[in-house]
């Protein structure tokens, strides 16, 4: 009798951790496990803003999948997912098809521009390793071009970041460190280079404590970051944002959009019911009305029943999805009871550069400055430890805490 086949789509935090947990919870004779990913590496999504700013090498932010998943235990397929044929228990890949008995969809996010005119065409987005590397190279090119130009345009040195959420603020925090280095390298007056963050909401970092937001703003502004709150973007042109009711135009040499993400477009293409780009899953993380399909990570809305809204789609949540998902797959194979997902909020810390941060830990304890920065690095290293143990932490981790 053939072993049940579990197919995991995507090797982000949720997918890779689910695969690792399955190899720990199931014996080789209990199930065939297949992991499908577009690339042969996993990347730390929460480090991409550092790669984009040029403060971290892209190779430090990615890990070969075969270094953390045993290819003798898990079949690794490097291909692009096109569609899930639910009625046929089949996944259509770009170069082949694969059947499954149980499916885990963890395909990550795509950029959501909310229909802003020109944004998709004219702005960079921090979506993956290659996109982040392009941003870094473009920024440096603008500084190099300026330094040699006979007729200099100061707008070329302006970096315009749309979106004052988690990613946008962490990105401008890294830029506040990188831009002075670029000015020194290319012998450019620091006052010529501008970093501008534009947020449509009344304040940056929605969901954070007001004191933490005030700290973040001061830290960034003290280092030259300009923050425009309550500034709705109506259009993104090739070299500018158009904002506000009066159509103010902010020119720049580099434009980066960090204002929103949505779940993989494979979900809608495959016939799942979508709410704001994601599937609202059952409490056991299965897709509604599906006995053998789990949807986790950035593709899923997991409801907080007490508050009547979804849990935030964070990396720590994705890793916790993996624990519940793998346990429930084991339960299905062994005819045991399935468990509900329970989110254990360990807090949220946002970096403001390599030496500054702010956030909350455990019971909403507030952290600022170097203490928060050290905690952020501990959190990042913990993620590596869960994926690959101490060996991966030593190889890729952030060893200098202060």
Protein backbone atom coordinates (compact mmCIF):
# COMPACT_ATOMS: atom_id res chain seq x y z
CA UNK A 1 0.00 0.00 0.00
CA UNK A 2 1.40 3.41 -1.00
CA UNK A 3 2.30 5.82 1.75
CA UNK A 4 0.17 8.98 2.06
CA UNK A 5 1.82 11.88 0.23
CA UNK A 6 2.07 15.25 1.98
CA UNK A 7 2.97 18.10 -0.37
CA UNK A 8 4.13 21.45 1.06
CA UNK A 9 4.07 24.43 -1.29
CA UNK A 10 6.56 27.16 -0.40
CA UNK A 11 9.71 27.23 1.74
CA UNK A 12 9.14 30.43 3.67
CA UNK A 13 8.97 30.43 7.45
CA UNK A 14 5.68 28.49 7.60
CA UNK A 15 6.40 25.97 4.85
CA UNK A 16 9.97 25.17 5.76
CA UNK A 17 9.18 24.84 9.45
CA UNK A 18 6.17 22.61 8.72
CA UNK A 19 8.40 20.36 6.65
CA UNK A 20 10.99 20.14 9.45
CA UNK A 21 8.31 19.40 12.04
CA UNK A 22 6.81 16.66 9.85
CA UNK A 23 10.18 14.91 9.59
CA UNK A 24 10.41 15.03 13.39
CA UNK A 25 6.86 13.86 14.10
CA UNK A 26 6.44 11.21 11.41
CA UNK A 27 8.53 8.16 10.67
CA UNK A 28 9.78 7.54 7.10
CA UNK A 29 7.27 4.71 6.74
CA UNK A 30 4.28 6.88 7.73
CA UNK A 31 4.27 9.41 4.92
CA UNK A 32 6.03 10.63 1.80
CA UNK A 33 6.89 14.31 2.22
CA UNK A 34 7.44 16.63 -0.74
CA UNK A 35 8.53 20.28 -0.53
CA UNK A 36 8.01 22.49 -3.59
CA UNK A 37 9.74 25.87 -3.84
CA UNK A 38 10.59 28.23 -6.68
CA UNK A 39 14.24 28.51 -5.61
CA UNK A 40 16.66 26.10 -3.99
CA UNK A 41 17.06 28.44 -1.03
CA UNK A 42 15.02 29.87 1.81
CA UNK A 43 15.43 33.56 2.63
CA UNK A 44 14.79 35.44 5.85
CA UNK A 45 11.88 37.63 4.82
CA UNK A 46 12.32 39.86 7.86
CA UNK A 47 15.88 40.66 6.74
CA UNK A 48 15.05 41.75 3.19
CA UNK A 49 14.94 45.44 4.13
CA UNK A 50 18.59 45.15 5.17
CA UNK A 51 19.52 43.59 1.84
CA UNK A 52 17.60 46.35 0.03
CA UNK A 53 19.39 49.08 1.97
CA UNK A 54 22.77 47.44 1.43
CA UNK A 55 23.52 46.90 5.12
CA UNK A 56 23.46 43.09 4.81
CA UNK A 57 24.83 40.86 2.08
CA UNK A 58 22.13 38.85 0.33
CA UNK A 59 24.00 35.61 0.97
CA UNK A 60 23.69 36.15 4.72
CA UNK A 61 19.92 36.40 4.34
CA UNK A 62 19.43 33.12 2.49
CA UNK A 63 19.99 29.47 3.34
CA UNK A 64 20.15 26.51 0.98
CA UNK A 65 17.10 24.34 1.62
CA UNK A 66 19.18 21.16 1.42
CA UNK A 67 21.25 22.47 4.36
CA UNK A 68 18.26 22.32 6.70
CA UNK A 69 16.06 19.66 5.05
CA UNK A 70 17.46 16.17 4.46
CA UNK A 71 16.90 15.36 0.75
CA UNK A 72 16.94 11.67 1.65
CA UNK A 73 13.91 12.23 3.88
CA UNK A 74 12.04 14.86 1.87
CA UNK A 75 11.67 15.08 -1.90
CA UNK A 76 12.72 18.59 -2.93
CA UNK A 77 11.19 20.00 -6.10
CA UNK A 78 12.38 23.39 -7.34
CA UNK A 79 9.61 24.68 -9.55
CA UNK A 80 6.95 27.40 -9.69
CA UNK A 81 3.39 26.69 -8.55
CA UNK A 82 0.80 27.64 -11.15
CA UNK A 83 -2.50 26.30 -9.78
CA UNK A 84 -4.03 23.83 -7.34
CA UNK A 85 -6.64 21.49 -8.84
CA UNK A 86 -8.54 20.71 -5.63
CA UNK A 87 -11.01 18.25 -7.17
CA UNK A 88 -8.15 16.20 -8.61
CA UNK A 89 -5.74 16.43 -5.64
CA UNK A 90 -3.19 17.78 -8.08
CA UNK A 91 -0.82 20.75 -8.20
CA UNK A 92 0.08 22.24 -11.57
CA UNK A 93 3.70 23.38 -11.65
CA UNK A 94 5.41 25.35 -14.39
CA UNK A 95 7.39 22.32 -15.57
CA UNK A 96 5.37 19.36 -14.27
CA UNK A 97 2.39 18.25 -12.15
CA UNK A 98 2.31 16.58 -8.75
CA UNK A 99 -0.47 14.74 -6.93
CA UNK A 100 -1.07 14.78 -3.18
CA UNK A 101 -3.11 13.21 -0.41
CA UNK A 102 -2.57 16.16 1.91
CA UNK A 103 -1.57 19.66 0.87
CA UNK A 104 -0.03 22.57 2.75
CA UNK A 105 -0.18 25.94 0.94
CA UNK A 106 2.38 28.42 2.27
CA UNK A 107 3.29 30.38 -0.85
CA UNK A 108 3.99 33.68 0.88
CA UNK A 109 3.02 37.18 -0.19
CA UNK A 110 2.88 39.41 -3.24
CA UNK A 111 2.95 43.20 -3.35
CA UNK A 112 -0.38 44.98 -2.98
CA UNK A 113 -0.41 48.51 -4.43
CA UNK A 114 -4.10 49.09 -3.59
CA UNK A 115 -4.68 50.29 -7.14
CA UNK A 116 -2.46 53.38 -6.80
CA UNK A 117 -1.86 54.64 -10.31
CA UNK A 118 1.64 53.85 -11.59
CA UNK A 119 2.87 52.21 -8.38
CA UNK A 120 3.34 48.71 -9.76
CA UNK A 121 5.11 50.04 -12.87
CA UNK A 122 7.32 52.73 -11.38
CA UNK A 123 8.27 51.66 -7.84
CA UNK A 124 10.55 48.96 -6.52
CA UNK A 125 9.16 46.54 -3.93
CA UNK A 126 10.92 44.54 -1.22
CA UNK A 127 9.52 41.15 -2.20
CA UNK A 128 12.43 38.70 -2.36
CA UNK A 129 16.22 38.46 -2.48
CA UNK A 130 16.57 39.48 -6.12
CA UNK A 131 14.17 42.44 -5.84
CA UNK A 132 15.99 43.63 -2.71
CA UNK A 133 19.35 43.35 -4.43
CA UNK A 134 18.06 45.43 -7.32
CA UNK A 135 17.04 48.19 -4.91
CA UNK A 136 20.47 48.21 -3.30
CA UNK A 137 22.23 48.35 -6.66
CA UNK A 138 19.93 51.09 -7.95
CA UNK A 139 20.51 53.29 -4.90
CA UNK A 140 24.28 52.98 -5.19
CA UNK A 141 24.11 53.64 -8.93
CA UNK A 142 22.25 56.90 -8.26
CA UNK A 143 25.01 58.06 -5.92
CA UNK A 144 27.77 56.99 -8.33
CA UNK A 145 26.03 58.72 -11.24
CA UNK A 146 25.60 61.93 -9.24
CA UNK A 147 29.26 61.99 -8.23
CA UNK A 148 30.44 61.98 -11.86
CA UNK A 149 27.67 64.03 -13.50
CA UNK A 150 28.67 67.36 -15.04
CA UNK A 151 25.20 68.71 -14.30
CA UNK A 152 24.03 67.39 -10.96
CA UNK A 153 20.39 66.85 -10.03
CA UNK A 154 19.92 66.62 -6.25
CA UNK A 155 16.64 64.73 -6.75
CA UNK A 156 18.73 61.73 -7.88
CA UNK A 157 19.90 61.37 -4.27
CA UNK A 158 16.39 61.32 -2.78
CA UNK A 159 15.06 57.94 -1.67
CA UNK A 160 11.27 57.93 -1.43
CA UNK A 161 9.63 55.14 0.59
CA UNK A 162 5.88 54.64 0.40
CA UNK A 163 4.32 53.08 3.48
CA UNK A 164 5.05 53.71 7.14
CA UNK A 165 4.30 50.23 8.42
CA UNK A 166 6.76 47.70 9.81
CA UNK A 167 8.79 47.12 6.64
CA UNK A 168 8.87 50.75 5.57
CA UNK A 169 10.11 52.00 8.92
CA UNK A 170 12.72 49.26 9.28
CA UNK A 171 13.92 50.03 5.76
CA UNK A 172 14.36 53.77 6.33
CA UNK A 173 16.13 52.92 9.59
CA UNK A 174 18.71 50.97 7.60
CA UNK A 175 18.93 53.74 5.01
CA UNK A 176 19.70 56.24 7.76
CA UNK A 177 22.90 54.24 8.34
CA UNK A 178 23.71 53.43 4.73
CA UNK A 179 23.24 56.87 3.13
CA UNK A 180 26.04 58.56 5.15
CA UNK A 181 28.35 55.72 4.06
CA UNK A 182 27.43 56.26 0.40
CA UNK A 183 27.95 60.02 0.75
CA UNK A 184 31.41 59.43 2.17
CA UNK A 185 32.25 56.84 -0.49
CA UNK A 186 31.28 59.13 -3.37
CA UNK A 187 32.38 62.40 -1.73
CA UNK A 188 28.86 63.85 -1.59
CA UNK A 189 27.60 66.39 0.93
CA UNK A 190 25.28 64.45 3.30
CA UNK A 191 22.75 67.30 3.25
CA UNK A 192 22.17 66.66 -0.46
CA UNK A 193 20.76 63.16 0.12
CA UNK A 194 17.21 62.83 1.43
CA UNK A 195 15.26 59.88 2.85
CA UNK A 196 11.51 60.52 2.81
CA UNK A 197 8.87 58.17 4.25
CA UNK A 198 5.27 58.77 3.15
CA UNK A 199 2.35 57.27 5.09
CA UNK A 200 -1.34 57.78 4.27
CA UNK A 201 -2.55 57.05 7.81
CA UNK A 202 -2.46 59.75 10.51
CA UNK A 203 0.64 58.12 12.01
CA UNK A 204 3.33 55.60 11.14
CA UNK A 205 3.50 52.10 12.67
CA UNK A 206 -0.20 51.39 13.23
CA UNK A 207 -0.70 48.92 16.06
CA UNK A 208 2.31 50.11 18.05
CA UNK A 209 2.08 51.92 21.39
CA UNK A 210 2.10 55.73 21.00
CA UNK A 211 5.24 56.06 23.13
CA UNK A 212 7.05 53.56 20.90
CA UNK A 213 5.95 55.41 17.76
CA UNK A 214 7.14 58.71 19.20
CA UNK A 215 10.52 57.13 20.00
CA UNK A 216 10.82 55.69 16.49
CA UNK A 217 9.98 59.01 14.84
CA UNK A 218 12.52 60.92 16.91
CA UNK A 219 15.23 58.33 16.28
CA UNK A 220 14.69 58.46 12.53
CA UNK A 221 14.25 62.21 12.28
CA UNK A 222 17.39 62.82 14.34
CA UNK A 223 19.26 60.88 11.66
CA UNK A 224 17.80 62.84 8.78
CA UNK A 225 14.72 60.83 7.80
CA UNK A 226 11.76 62.98 6.75
CA UNK A 227 8.38 61.52 7.73
CA UNK A 228 5.18 62.60 6.01
CA UNK A 229 2.09 61.29 7.81
CA UNK A 230 -1.49 61.67 6.63
CA UNK A 231 -0.14 61.95 3.08
CA UNK A 232 -2.20 59.80 0.75
CA UNK A 233 -0.43 58.87 -2.48
CA UNK A 234 -2.65 59.37 -5.53
CA UNK A 235 -0.06 58.48 -8.17
CA UNK A 236 3.46 57.16 -8.54
CA UNK A 237 5.21 58.62 -11.55
CA UNK A 238 8.55 57.51 -12.93
CA UNK A 239 10.44 59.80 -10.58
CA UNK A 240 7.91 61.10 -8.04
CA UNK A 241 4.94 60.59 -5.76
CA UNK A 242 1.85 62.76 -6.14
CA UNK A 243 0.34 63.19 -2.68
CA UNK A 244 -2.52 64.95 -0.91
CA UNK A 245 -5.62 66.71 -2.18
CA UNK A 246 -3.57 69.50 -3.72
CA UNK A 247 -1.41 67.14 -5.79
CA UNK A 248 1.97 67.93 -4.23
CA UNK A 249 4.77 66.21 -6.14
CA UNK A 250 7.80 64.77 -4.35
CA UNK A 251 10.63 63.95 -6.75
CA UNK A 252 13.17 61.19 -6.17
CA UNK A 253 15.83 59.11 -7.86
CA UNK A 254 14.73 55.93 -6.06
CA UNK A 255 11.14 55.00 -5.21
CA UNK A 256 10.31 51.97 -3.05
CA UNK A 257 6.80 50.80 -2.16
CA UNK A 258 6.39 48.97 1.17
CA UNK A 259 2.76 49.87 1.82
CA UNK A 260 1.03 46.52 1.50
CA UNK A 261 1.12 42.83 0.68
CA UNK A 262 -1.42 40.21 -0.24
CA UNK A 263 -1.41 36.43 -0.38
CA UNK A 264 -0.21 34.50 -3.42
CA UNK A 265 -2.34 34.93 -6.55
CA UNK A 266 -2.34 31.12 -6.84
CA UNK A 267 -5.09 31.11 -4.19
CA UNK A 268 -7.68 32.92 -6.31
CA UNK A 269 -6.57 31.12 -9.46
CA UNK A 270 -7.23 27.82 -7.65
CA UNK A 271 -10.79 28.71 -6.66
CA UNK A 272 -10.36 29.46 -2.96
CA UNK A 273 -12.63 32.09 -1.43
CA UNK A 274 -10.48 35.18 -0.91
CA UNK A 275 -10.85 38.02 1.59
CA UNK A 276 -8.43 40.88 0.97
CA UNK A 277 -6.05 38.56 -0.85
CA UNK A 278 -6.01 35.71 1.66
CA UNK A 279 -8.08 32.72 2.73
CA UNK A 280 -9.82 32.85 6.11
CA UNK A 281 -8.99 29.39 7.42
CA UNK A 282 -10.74 27.26 10.02
CA UNK A 283 -9.36 27.16 13.55
CA UNK A 284 -7.39 23.99 12.73
CA UNK A 285 -5.76 25.87 9.79
CA UNK A 286 -7.58 23.95 7.10
CA UNK A 287 -9.22 25.74 4.20
CA UNK A 288 -13.02 25.95 4.63
CA UNK A 289 -14.80 22.81 3.44
CA UNK A 290 -11.49 21.09 2.68
CA UNK A 291 -10.52 17.98 4.65
CA UNK A 292 -6.97 17.66 3.34
CA UNK A 293 -5.78 21.21 2.53
CA UNK A 294 -4.05 23.48 5.04
CA UNK A 295 -3.28 27.13 4.29
CA UNK A 296 -0.74 28.89 6.51
CA UNK A 297 1.66 31.83 6.69
CA UNK A 298 1.02 34.95 4.60
CA UNK A 299 -1.66 33.17 2.58
CA UNK A 300 -3.98 32.76 5.58
CA UNK A 301 -6.17 34.85 7.80
CA UNK A 302 -6.28 33.06 11.16
CA UNK A 303 -9.02 34.55 13.30
CA UNK A 304 -8.60 35.73 16.86
CA UNK A 305 -12.04 34.74 18.13
CA UNK A 306 -11.79 36.87 21.25
CA UNK A 307 -11.15 40.07 19.29
CA UNK A 308 -13.09 39.15 16.15
CA UNK A 309 -10.20 39.94 13.81
CA UNK A 310 -7.23 38.07 12.33
CA UNK A 311 -3.96 37.60 14.16
CA UNK A 312 -1.18 39.78 12.66
CA UNK A 313 0.59 37.93 9.78
CA UNK A 314 4.04 37.95 11.36
CA UNK A 315 7.01 35.61 11.13
CA UNK A 316 6.42 34.35 14.68
CA UNK A 317 2.81 33.55 13.76
CA UNK A 318 3.95 31.68 10.63
CA UNK A 319 6.35 29.56 12.68
CA UNK A 320 3.57 28.80 15.16
CA UNK A 321 1.25 27.87 12.26
CA UNK A 322 3.80 25.21 11.38
CA UNK A 323 3.57 23.55 14.80
CA UNK A 324 -0.21 23.31 14.65
CA UNK A 325 -0.28 22.31 10.99
CA UNK A 326 2.26 19.50 11.39
CA UNK A 327 0.50 18.21 14.53
CA UNK A 328 -2.83 18.15 12.71
CA UNK A 329 -1.37 16.34 9.71
CA UNK A 330 -0.06 13.69 12.08
CA UNK A 331 -3.51 13.51 13.70
CA UNK A 332 -5.18 13.00 10.32
CA UNK A 333 -2.79 10.18 9.46
CA UNK A 334 -3.31 8.50 12.84
CA UNK A 335 -7.04 9.22 13.16
CA UNK A 336 -6.48 11.43 16.18
CA UNK A 337 -8.21 14.66 17.23
CA UNK A 338 -7.17 17.89 15.54
CA UNK A 339 -6.13 20.90 17.61
CA UNK A 340 -7.04 24.56 17.26
CA UNK A 341 -4.38 27.15 16.57
CA UNK A 342 -3.56 29.21 19.64
CA UNK A 343 -1.30 32.21 19.11
CA UNK A 344 1.37 32.77 21.74
CA UNK A 345 2.28 36.44 21.36
CA UNK A 346 5.91 36.86 22.34
CA UNK A 347 5.90 40.54 21.38
CA UNK A 348 7.02 42.61 18.42
CA UNK A 349 10.28 44.51 18.00
CA UNK A 350 11.03 46.79 15.04
CA UNK A 351 14.62 47.68 14.18
CA UNK A 352 15.53 51.30 13.45
CA UNK A 353 18.98 50.43 12.13
CA UNK A 354 21.64 48.08 13.44
CA UNK A 355 21.98 49.77 16.84
CA UNK A 356 18.49 51.03 17.61
CA UNK A 357 15.03 49.50 17.88
CA UNK A 358 11.81 49.62 19.85
CA UNK A 359 8.96 47.27 20.61
CA UNK A 360 7.23 45.05 23.14
CA UNK A 361 8.12 41.65 24.56
CA UNK A 362 6.08 39.14 26.57
CA UNK A 363 3.45 40.98 28.65
CA UNK A 364 3.65 44.20 26.64
CA UNK A 365 6.91 45.19 28.31
CA UNK A 366 8.31 48.17 26.38
CA UNK A 367 11.86 48.13 25.08
CA UNK A 368 13.84 50.98 23.56
CA UNK A 369 17.29 51.64 22.12
CA UNK A 370 20.19 49.24 22.47
CA UNK A 371 18.25 46.89 24.71
CA UNK A 372 15.54 46.56 22.07
CA UNK A 373 18.15 46.20 19.33
CA UNK A 374 19.78 43.33 21.19
CA UNK A 375 16.39 41.66 21.65
CA UNK A 376 15.66 42.04 17.93
CA UNK A 377 18.87 40.19 17.09
CA UNK A 378 17.99 37.48 19.64
CA UNK A 379 14.61 37.08 17.92
CA UNK A 380 16.28 36.82 14.50
CA UNK A 381 18.78 34.26 15.80
CA UNK A 382 15.99 32.25 17.40
CA UNK A 383 14.30 31.99 14.01
CA UNK A 384 17.52 30.59 12.54
CA UNK A 385 17.87 28.18 15.46
CA UNK A 386 14.37 26.80 14.92
CA UNK A 387 15.11 26.28 11.23
CA UNK A 388 18.60 24.84 11.39
CA UNK A 389 19.85 24.57 14.95
CA UNK A 390 23.05 26.08 16.38
CA UNK A 391 25.02 25.35 13.20
CA UNK A 392 22.81 27.73 11.18
CA UNK A 393 22.97 30.40 13.89
CA UNK A 394 26.76 30.28 13.84
CA UNK A 395 26.82 30.43 10.05
CA UNK A 396 24.17 33.09 9.36
CA UNK A 397 23.26 34.65 12.69
CA UNK A 398 23.62 38.17 14.03
CA UNK A 399 26.34 37.47 16.53
CA UNK A 400 27.08 41.01 17.60
CA UNK A 401 24.15 41.98 19.81
CA UNK A 402 25.29 45.52 20.64
